[in-house]
Amino acid sequence: MGLDGVELVLAWEEEFGIEISDADAAKMETPAHVIDFVCTRVGEAKNLSREQVADKVKEIIFDQLGISDRQYAEDKRFVEDFGVG
């Protein structure tokens, strides 16, 4: 995983107060994968809806990668579509 990927994972960990193992991070190929993972780990415990988690994940992706709203979709792949190295 390249620096962009590491920074994304660190930002998600900080935002949601979780640890994401390298093995789990490697499975997160799309924003939807991240959202589902976070929801499973903290959604109910922190009383966060899927929509709230999705909004935060999207915000972090925009901040870290500098992509626009029209470039974003939950099913787009980080490496192929967003250029995460």
C-alpha atoms as a PDB file:
ATOM      1  CA  MET A   1       0.000   0.000   0.000  1.00  0.00           C
ATOM      2  CA  GLY A   2       1.339   3.392  -0.960  1.00  0.00           C
ATOM      3  CA  LEU A   3       1.449   6.583   1.070  1.00  0.00           C
ATOM      4  CA  ASP A   4      -1.998   7.739  -0.090  1.00  0.00           C
ATOM      5  CA  GLY A   5      -3.517   4.466   1.083  1.00  0.00           C
ATOM      6  CA  VAL A   6      -1.764   4.597   4.429  1.00  0.00           C
ATOM      7  CA  GLU A   7      -2.915   8.181   4.995  1.00  0.00           C
ATOM      8  CA  LEU A   8      -6.514   7.221   4.206  1.00  0.00           C
ATOM      9  CA  VAL A   9      -6.423   4.328   6.669  1.00  0.00           C
ATOM     10  CA  LEU A  10      -4.876   6.514   9.374  1.00  0.00           C
ATOM     11  CA  ALA A  11      -7.533   9.179   8.839  1.00  0.00           C
ATOM     12  CA  TRP A  12     -10.347   6.607   9.115  1.00  0.00           C
ATOM     13  CA  GLU A  13      -8.794   5.134  12.241  1.00  0.00           C
ATOM     14  CA  GLU A  14      -8.577   8.561  13.843  1.00  0.00           C
ATOM     15  CA  GLU A  15     -12.076   9.630  12.804  1.00  0.00           C
ATOM     16  CA  PHE A  16     -13.808   6.493  14.010  1.00  0.00           C
ATOM     17  CA  GLY A  17     -11.519   5.523  16.906  1.00  0.00           C
ATOM     18  CA  ILE A  18     -10.693   2.094  15.499  1.00  0.00           C
ATOM     19  CA  GLU A  19      -7.660   0.128  14.400  1.00  0.00           C
ATOM     20  CA  ILE A  20      -7.589  -1.235  10.878  1.00  0.00           C
ATOM     21  CA  SER A  21      -5.129  -4.075  10.357  1.00  0.00           C
ATOM     22  CA  ASP A  22      -3.042  -4.263   7.205  1.00  0.00           C
ATOM     23  CA  ALA A  23      -5.001  -7.376   6.215  1.00  0.00           C
ATOM     24  CA  ASP A  24      -8.331  -5.573   6.618  1.00  0.00           C
ATOM     25  CA  ALA A  25      -7.047  -2.494   4.789  1.00  0.00           C
ATOM     26  CA  ALA A  26      -5.931  -4.659   1.868  1.00  0.00           C
ATOM     27  CA  LYS A  27      -9.526  -5.887   1.464  1.00  0.00           C
ATOM     28  CA  MET A  28     -10.922  -2.352   1.274  1.00  0.00           C
ATOM     29  CA  GLU A  29     -10.965  -1.821  -2.459  1.00  0.00           C
ATOM     30  CA  THR A  30     -13.885   0.622  -2.602  1.00  0.00           C
ATOM     31  CA  PRO A  31     -15.474   3.235  -0.337  1.00  0.00           C
ATOM     32  CA  ALA A  32     -18.397   0.813   0.148  1.00  0.00           C
ATOM     33  CA  HIS A  33     -15.991  -1.730   1.651  1.00  0.00           C
ATOM     34  CA  VAL A  34     -14.703   0.900   4.089  1.00  0.00           C
ATOM     35  CA  ILE A  35     -18.218   2.002   5.030  1.00  0.00           C
ATOM     36  CA  ASP A  36     -19.349  -1.570   5.662  1.00  0.00           C
ATOM     37  CA  PHE A  37     -16.244  -2.292   7.738  1.00  0.00           C
ATOM     38  CA  VAL A  38     -16.678   0.820   9.872  1.00  0.00           C
ATOM     39  CA  CYS A  39     -20.398   0.190  10.336  1.00  0.00           C
ATOM     40  CA  THR A  40     -19.662  -3.335  11.499  1.00  0.00           C
ATOM     41  CA  ARG A  41     -16.998  -2.141  13.942  1.00  0.00           C
ATOM     42  CA  VAL A  42     -18.456   1.046  15.392  1.00  0.00           C
ATOM     43  CA  GLY A  43     -21.768   1.986  13.819  1.00  0.00           C
ATOM     44  CA  GLU A  44     -24.055   0.759  16.556  1.00  0.00           C
ATOM     45  CA  ALA A  45     -21.648   1.416  19.418  1.00  0.00           C
ATOM     46  CA  LYS A  46     -21.326   5.071  18.427  1.00  0.00           C
ATOM     47  CA  ASN A  47     -24.937   5.349  17.279  1.00  0.00           C
ATOM     48  CA  LEU A  48     -23.903   6.162  13.711  1.00  0.00           C
ATOM     49  CA  SER A  49     -26.112   5.368  10.758  1.00  0.00           C
ATOM     50  CA  ARG A  50     -24.663   4.004   7.539  1.00  0.00           C
ATOM     51  CA  GLU A  51     -25.360   7.388   5.956  1.00  0.00           C
ATOM     52  CA  GLN A  52     -23.383   9.203   8.647  1.00  0.00           C
ATOM     53  CA  VAL A  53     -20.451   6.814   8.261  1.00  0.00           C
ATOM     54  CA  ALA A  54     -20.634   7.138   4.465  1.00  0.00           C
ATOM     55  CA  ASP A  55     -20.564  10.940   4.688  1.00  0.00           C
ATOM     56  CA  LYS A  56     -17.468  10.901   6.918  1.00  0.00           C
ATOM     57  CA  VAL A  57     -15.678   8.326   4.753  1.00  0.00           C
ATOM     58  CA  LYS A  58     -16.452  10.408   1.658  1.00  0.00           C
ATOM     59  CA  GLU A  59     -15.262  13.612   3.341  1.00  0.00           C
ATOM     60  CA  ILE A  60     -11.945  11.994   4.254  1.00  0.00           C
ATOM     61  CA  ILE A  61     -11.498  10.644   0.722  1.00  0.00           C
ATOM     62  CA  PHE A  62     -12.143  14.111  -0.710  1.00  0.00           C
ATOM     63  CA  ASP A  63      -9.700  15.726   1.729  1.00  0.00           C
ATOM     64  CA  GLN A  64      -6.949  13.134   1.295  1.00  0.00           C
ATOM     65  CA  LEU A  65      -7.200  12.562  -2.445  1.00  0.00           C
ATOM     66  CA  GLY A  66      -8.513  15.889  -3.679  1.00  0.00           C
ATOM     67  CA  ILE A  67     -11.218  14.338  -5.817  1.00  0.00           C
ATOM     68  CA  SER A  68     -14.528  16.010  -6.605  1.00  0.00           C
ATOM     69  CA  ASP A  69     -18.063  14.914  -5.881  1.00  0.00           C
ATOM     70  CA  ARG A  70     -18.651  13.992  -9.515  1.00  0.00           C
ATOM     71  CA  GLN A  71     -15.633  11.651  -9.475  1.00  0.00           C
ATOM     72  CA  TYR A  72     -16.893   9.833  -6.387  1.00  0.00           C
ATOM     73  CA  ALA A  73     -19.056   6.742  -6.129  1.00  0.00           C
ATOM     74  CA  GLU A  74     -19.104   4.104  -3.406  1.00  0.00           C
ATOM     75  CA  ASP A  75     -18.369   1.353  -5.929  1.00  0.00           C
ATOM     76  CA  LYS A  76     -15.307   3.010  -7.483  1.00  0.00           C
ATOM     77  CA  ARG A  77     -11.990   1.355  -6.759  1.00  0.00           C
ATOM     78  CA  PHE A  78      -9.282   3.223  -4.882  1.00  0.00           C
ATOM     79  CA  VAL A  79      -6.414   2.081  -7.084  1.00  0.00           C
ATOM     80  CA  GLU A  80      -8.024   1.939 -10.516  1.00  0.00           C
ATOM     81  CA  ASP A  81     -10.483   4.847 -10.253  1.00  0.00           C
ATOM     82  CA  PHE A  82      -8.965   7.191  -7.667  1.00  0.00           C
ATOM     83  CA  GLY A  83      -5.280   6.515  -8.410  1.00  0.00           C
ATOM     84  CA  VAL A  84      -4.312   5.498  -4.881  1.00  0.00           C
ATOM     85  CA  GLY A  85      -0.878   3.922  -4.991  1.00  0.00           C
END
